[in-house]
Protein backbone atom coordinates (compact mmCIF):
# COMPACT_ATOMS: atom_id res chain seq x y z
CA MET A 1 44.21 -0.91 -7.11
CA THR A 2 44.77 0.64 -10.57
CA GLN A 3 42.44 3.25 -11.96
CA THR A 4 40.91 0.91 -14.64
CA GLN A 5 40.55 -1.92 -11.88
CA GLU A 6 38.58 0.73 -9.78
CA GLN A 7 36.27 1.69 -12.67
CA THR A 8 35.49 -2.01 -13.29
CA THR A 9 34.71 -2.68 -9.77
CA GLN A 10 32.52 0.31 -9.50
CA ALA A 11 30.96 -0.65 -12.89
CA ASN A 12 30.25 -4.42 -11.36
CA THR A 13 28.62 -3.18 -8.35
CA THR A 14 26.05 -0.67 -10.35
CA PRO A 15 22.94 -2.34 -10.20
CA PRO A 16 21.27 -3.23 -13.60
CA GLU A 17 18.53 -0.84 -14.49
CA PHE A 18 15.08 -1.59 -14.68
CA THR A 19 12.30 -0.76 -17.04
CA ASP A 20 8.92 0.55 -16.96
CA GLU A 21 7.71 -3.03 -18.28
CA ASP A 22 9.68 -4.32 -15.55
CA LEU A 23 7.33 -2.37 -13.07
CA ARG A 24 4.28 -3.25 -14.99
CA ARG A 25 5.08 -6.80 -14.50
CA LEU A 26 5.96 -6.14 -10.67
CA LEU A 27 2.11 -4.47 -10.55
CA LYS A 28 0.56 -7.36 -12.31
CA LEU A 29 2.11 -9.84 -9.87
CA GLY A 30 0.66 -7.96 -7.00
CA THR A 31 2.06 -6.76 -3.68
CA ALA A 32 1.21 -10.10 -1.73
CA THR A 33 3.27 -12.15 -4.22
CA VAL A 34 6.10 -9.81 -4.45
CA TYR A 35 6.30 -9.28 -0.55
CA GLU A 36 6.33 -13.17 -0.16
CA ALA A 37 9.11 -13.62 -2.90
CA GLN A 38 11.23 -10.95 -1.41
CA GLY A 39 11.17 -13.25 1.77
CA GLN A 40 8.52 -11.35 3.61
CA ARG A 41 10.39 -8.17 3.40
CA GLY A 42 9.25 -4.47 2.11
CA SER A 43 5.59 -4.30 3.52
CA ILE A 44 4.27 -0.93 4.66
CA ALA A 45 1.81 -0.54 7.50
CA SER A 46 -1.39 -1.93 6.63
CA GLU A 47 -3.17 1.04 8.08
CA ILE A 48 -2.24 2.94 4.87
CA ARG A 49 -5.12 2.01 2.49
CA PRO A 50 -5.85 3.21 -0.80
CA LEU A 51 -8.67 5.58 -1.06
CA ASP A 52 -10.70 3.24 -3.23
CA PRO A 53 -9.81 -0.40 -3.34
CA ALA A 54 -9.64 -0.66 -7.33
CA MET A 55 -6.56 1.96 -7.09
CA LYS A 56 -3.11 0.60 -7.95
CA LEU A 57 0.06 2.19 -8.30
CA VAL A 58 3.69 1.43 -9.34
CA GLY A 59 6.74 3.94 -9.72
CA THR A 60 9.93 5.08 -8.07
CA ALA A 61 9.72 6.75 -4.95
CA LEU A 62 10.46 10.38 -4.25
CA THR A 63 10.44 10.51 -0.64
CA VAL A 64 9.12 13.43 1.68
CA ASN A 65 9.57 14.39 5.09
CA THR A 66 7.25 16.88 6.55
CA THR A 67 5.87 18.26 9.53
CA PRO A 68 2.73 16.94 10.73
CA GLY A 69 -0.17 19.64 9.61
CA ASP A 70 1.98 21.53 7.09
CA ASN A 71 2.23 21.09 3.28
CA LEU A 72 5.04 23.20 2.26
CA MET A 73 7.23 20.06 0.99
CA PHE A 74 4.28 18.57 -1.07
CA HIS A 75 4.59 21.66 -3.17
CA GLN A 76 8.36 21.27 -3.48
CA ALA A 77 8.48 17.46 -4.08
CA VAL A 78 5.34 18.36 -7.14
CA LEU A 79 8.04 20.97 -8.73
CA VAL A 80 10.87 18.40 -8.67
CA ALA A 81 9.20 15.10 -9.25
CA ARG A 82 10.23 13.26 -12.43
CA PRO A 83 7.42 11.51 -14.57
CA GLY A 84 6.41 7.70 -12.90
CA ASP A 85 7.54 9.06 -9.47
CA VAL A 86 5.35 8.21 -6.65
CA LEU A 87 5.34 10.61 -3.56
CA VAL A 88 6.16 8.89 -0.53
CA VAL A 89 5.36 11.24 2.52
CA ASP A 90 6.23 10.53 5.92
CA ALA A 91 3.70 12.63 7.78
CA LYS A 92 4.48 11.10 11.41
CA GLY A 93 1.02 9.44 11.21
CA PHE A 94 -0.88 12.64 11.79
CA THR A 95 -4.39 12.30 10.46
CA ASP A 96 -6.00 15.18 11.97
CA ALA A 97 -5.43 17.60 8.66
CA GLY A 98 -5.38 17.01 4.87
CA PRO A 99 -2.42 18.43 3.56
CA TRP A 100 -3.00 16.74 0.18
CA GLY A 101 -6.30 17.50 -2.01
CA ASP A 102 -7.69 18.06 -5.31
CA VAL A 103 -5.56 21.04 -6.85
CA LEU A 104 -2.28 19.21 -5.80
CA THR A 105 -3.80 16.22 -7.48
CA LEU A 106 -4.30 17.96 -10.67
CA ALA A 107 -0.84 19.40 -10.53
CA ALA A 108 0.84 16.19 -9.71
CA GLN A 109 -1.26 14.33 -12.74
CA GLN A 110 0.22 17.11 -14.94
CA ALA A 111 3.72 16.58 -13.99
CA GLY A 112 3.65 12.79 -14.37
CA ILE A 113 3.61 11.93 -11.07
CA ALA A 114 2.22 8.07 -10.83
CA GLY A 115 0.54 8.39 -7.41
CA LEU A 116 0.76 9.26 -3.40
CA VAL A 117 1.35 7.37 -0.60
CA ILE A 118 1.21 9.12 2.99
CA ASP A 119 1.49 8.45 6.34
CA GLY A 120 -1.29 10.50 7.24
CA SER A 121 -4.43 12.35 5.98
CA VAL A 122 -5.56 13.68 2.59
CA ARG A 123 -9.02 15.31 1.62
CA ASP A 124 -11.20 16.11 -1.18
CA SER A 125 -11.15 12.09 -1.50
CA GLU A 126 -14.06 12.10 -3.99
CA ALA A 127 -12.47 14.52 -6.29
CA ILE A 128 -9.15 12.54 -6.46
CA ILE A 129 -11.21 9.27 -7.13
CA ASP A 130 -12.71 10.69 -9.55
CA ALA A 131 -9.49 11.98 -11.14
CA GLY A 132 -8.15 8.45 -11.47
CA PHE A 133 -5.22 9.48 -9.20
CA PRO A 134 -3.82 6.75 -7.05
CA VAL A 135 -3.45 7.68 -3.46
CA PHE A 136 -2.75 5.45 -0.35
CA SER A 137 -3.20 7.18 2.88
CA ARG A 138 -4.05 6.51 6.59
CA GLY A 139 -6.89 8.80 6.85
CA ILE A 140 -8.96 11.54 5.66
CA SER A 141 -9.64 14.73 7.23
CA ILE A 142 -11.17 17.89 5.92
CA ARG A 143 -8.99 20.27 8.24
CA GLY A 144 -6.45 22.75 6.39
CA THR A 145 -2.68 22.87 6.79
CA THR A 146 -0.01 25.66 7.13
CA LYS A 147 2.55 26.24 4.40
CA VAL A 148 5.73 27.18 6.25
CA ASP A 149 7.79 24.43 7.99
CA PRO A 150 10.60 23.10 6.00
CA GLY A 151 11.15 19.59 5.72
CA GLN A 152 13.35 17.30 2.98
CA VAL A 153 12.50 16.06 -0.26
CA GLY A 154 14.63 12.65 -1.40
CA GLU A 155 16.06 11.78 1.60
CA THR A 156 15.69 8.29 3.24
CA ILE A 157 12.18 8.42 5.31
CA ASN A 158 11.08 5.85 7.81
CA LEU A 159 7.43 5.24 6.72
CA ALA A 160 5.51 3.96 9.32
CA GLY A 161 8.49 1.43 10.36
CA THR A 162 9.69 0.64 6.71
CA LEU A 163 12.79 2.45 5.25
CA VAL A 164 12.21 4.26 2.05
CA ASP A 165 14.99 5.58 -0.19
CA ARG A 166 14.91 8.42 -3.31
CA GLY A 167 14.36 5.60 -6.25
CA ASP A 168 12.96 2.52 -4.41
CA VAL A 169 9.92 1.11 -6.35
CA ILE A 170 6.61 1.46 -4.66
CA ILE A 171 3.46 -1.04 -5.37
CA GLY A 172 0.31 -0.58 -3.95
CA ASP A 173 -2.88 -2.28 -4.66
CA ARG A 174 -6.08 -3.36 -2.68
CA ASP A 175 -3.85 -5.69 -0.53
CA GLY A 176 -1.49 -3.18 0.40
CA LEU A 177 2.15 -1.67 -0.05
CA VAL A 178 5.27 -3.13 -0.58
CA VAL A 179 8.70 -1.39 -1.21
CA VAL A 180 11.01 -2.93 -3.62
CA LYS A 181 14.93 -1.57 -3.14
CA ALA A 182 16.21 -0.02 -6.35
CA ALA A 183 19.04 -2.63 -6.47
CA ASP A 184 16.94 -5.47 -6.10
CA VAL A 185 14.21 -4.97 -8.55
CA LEU A 186 15.09 -7.39 -11.26
CA ASP A 187 16.15 -10.18 -8.76
CA SER A 188 12.50 -9.45 -7.18
CA LEU A 189 10.56 -9.63 -10.29
CA ALA A 190 12.45 -12.84 -10.90
CA LYS A 191 11.53 -14.49 -7.87
CA ALA A 192 8.11 -13.12 -7.60
CA GLU A 193 7.61 -14.74 -11.20
CA ALA A 194 8.75 -17.88 -10.18
CA ARG A 195 6.38 -17.83 -7.03
CA GLU A 196 3.46 -17.11 -9.45
CA ALA A 197 4.44 -20.15 -11.56
CA LYS A 198 4.84 -22.07 -8.60
CA GLU A 199 1.35 -21.30 -7.34
CA GLU A 200 -0.13 -21.60 -10.96
CA GLU A 201 0.89 -25.31 -10.86
CA PHE A 202 -0.64 -25.55 -7.31
CA ARG A 203 -3.84 -24.33 -8.77
CA ARG A 204 -3.75 -26.73 -11.59
CA ARG A 205 -2.83 -29.80 -9.17
CA ILE A 206 -5.84 -28.82 -6.98
CA LEU A 207 -8.36 -28.70 -9.83
CA ASP A 208 -6.93 -31.65 -11.64
CA GLU A 209 -5.76 -33.84 -9.27
CA GLY A 210 -7.99 -33.01 -6.19
CA ALA A 211 -4.67 -32.43 -4.38
CA SER A 212 -4.66 -30.63 -1.03
CA THR A 213 -2.58 -27.40 0.36
CA ALA A 214 -1.29 -29.67 2.95
CA GLU A 215 0.03 -32.11 0.63
CA LEU A 216 1.32 -29.35 -1.75
CA LEU A 217 3.18 -27.37 1.02
CA GLY A 218 4.68 -30.57 2.62
CA LEU A 219 2.74 -30.09 5.74
CA LEU A 220 1.30 -33.47 6.11
CA PRO A 221 4.37 -34.66 8.40
CA THR A 222 3.76 -31.79 10.67
CA LEU A 223 0.09 -32.26 10.91
CA GLN A 224 0.72 -35.96 11.73
CA ARG A 225 2.97 -35.15 14.61
CA TYR A 226 0.26 -33.23 16.14
CA GLY A 227 -2.05 -36.21 15.87
CA TRP A 228 -3.97 -35.43 12.90
C-alpha cells in the first residue's frame, strides 16, 4: 500500500465529527429512545440516578478511575476537562463517602463541565441542585474522603458493567443514562430520530384510528397462537 493509499484509508475510517447541535438533538430524543435505537445497547446501571429528577445532561465523557473514599483524581479531572465534558467516574460503587460536593461543583461549572456521573456518592446535594449542575450518582453520603491515592483520568473505565471511553457521549435524564460510542453518534442519532418518527405515527394512529398497540407492533398472530 502506498503512503497516499494509506492516508486515504485512514481518512475513510475516521469517524465523522458530531456537533453540539447533534448532542442537543440526542438529549431531546431522550435516553430510552436512544437506547432502543442502538439495539438496546449502552444503558448504564439504573441505580445511578439524578439528584433531582428534572436534571438532564449530555456531553463527551472524561473518564475517571478512582479509589473508593478518595477524591484526588476529581481535582485532576477538573484541571484537564474541556468545556462540554461530563466527568464519568468509576468509584467502584462505594457509597459510604461523598467525594464530590459544592466546591468541586462550582469549580466544574467555572471550567464549563456539563455534569457528573459517578458510581458512588456525592454530598452537598441541595447546594448542587440549587446550582443547576447535573449530577447522577449511586448515593448520597456526608462522610469525607482522602486526597492521596493515584488513579487514572482519560482511560477506559467499567462503569457498573458498561465500558466507557474518553470522548464517548453520555446522555442522562429522569429515565436513566445511556452511552453512545463516539464513532456511532451520527448513526445513533439518525436511528433514534427514525424511531421517534415511527412512534409518532403510532400515536397518531392510536388517536385517529383507534389502533391497538398489539396491531401496530404486529403482535396479533403471537397472541392468537396463545389462544387470545
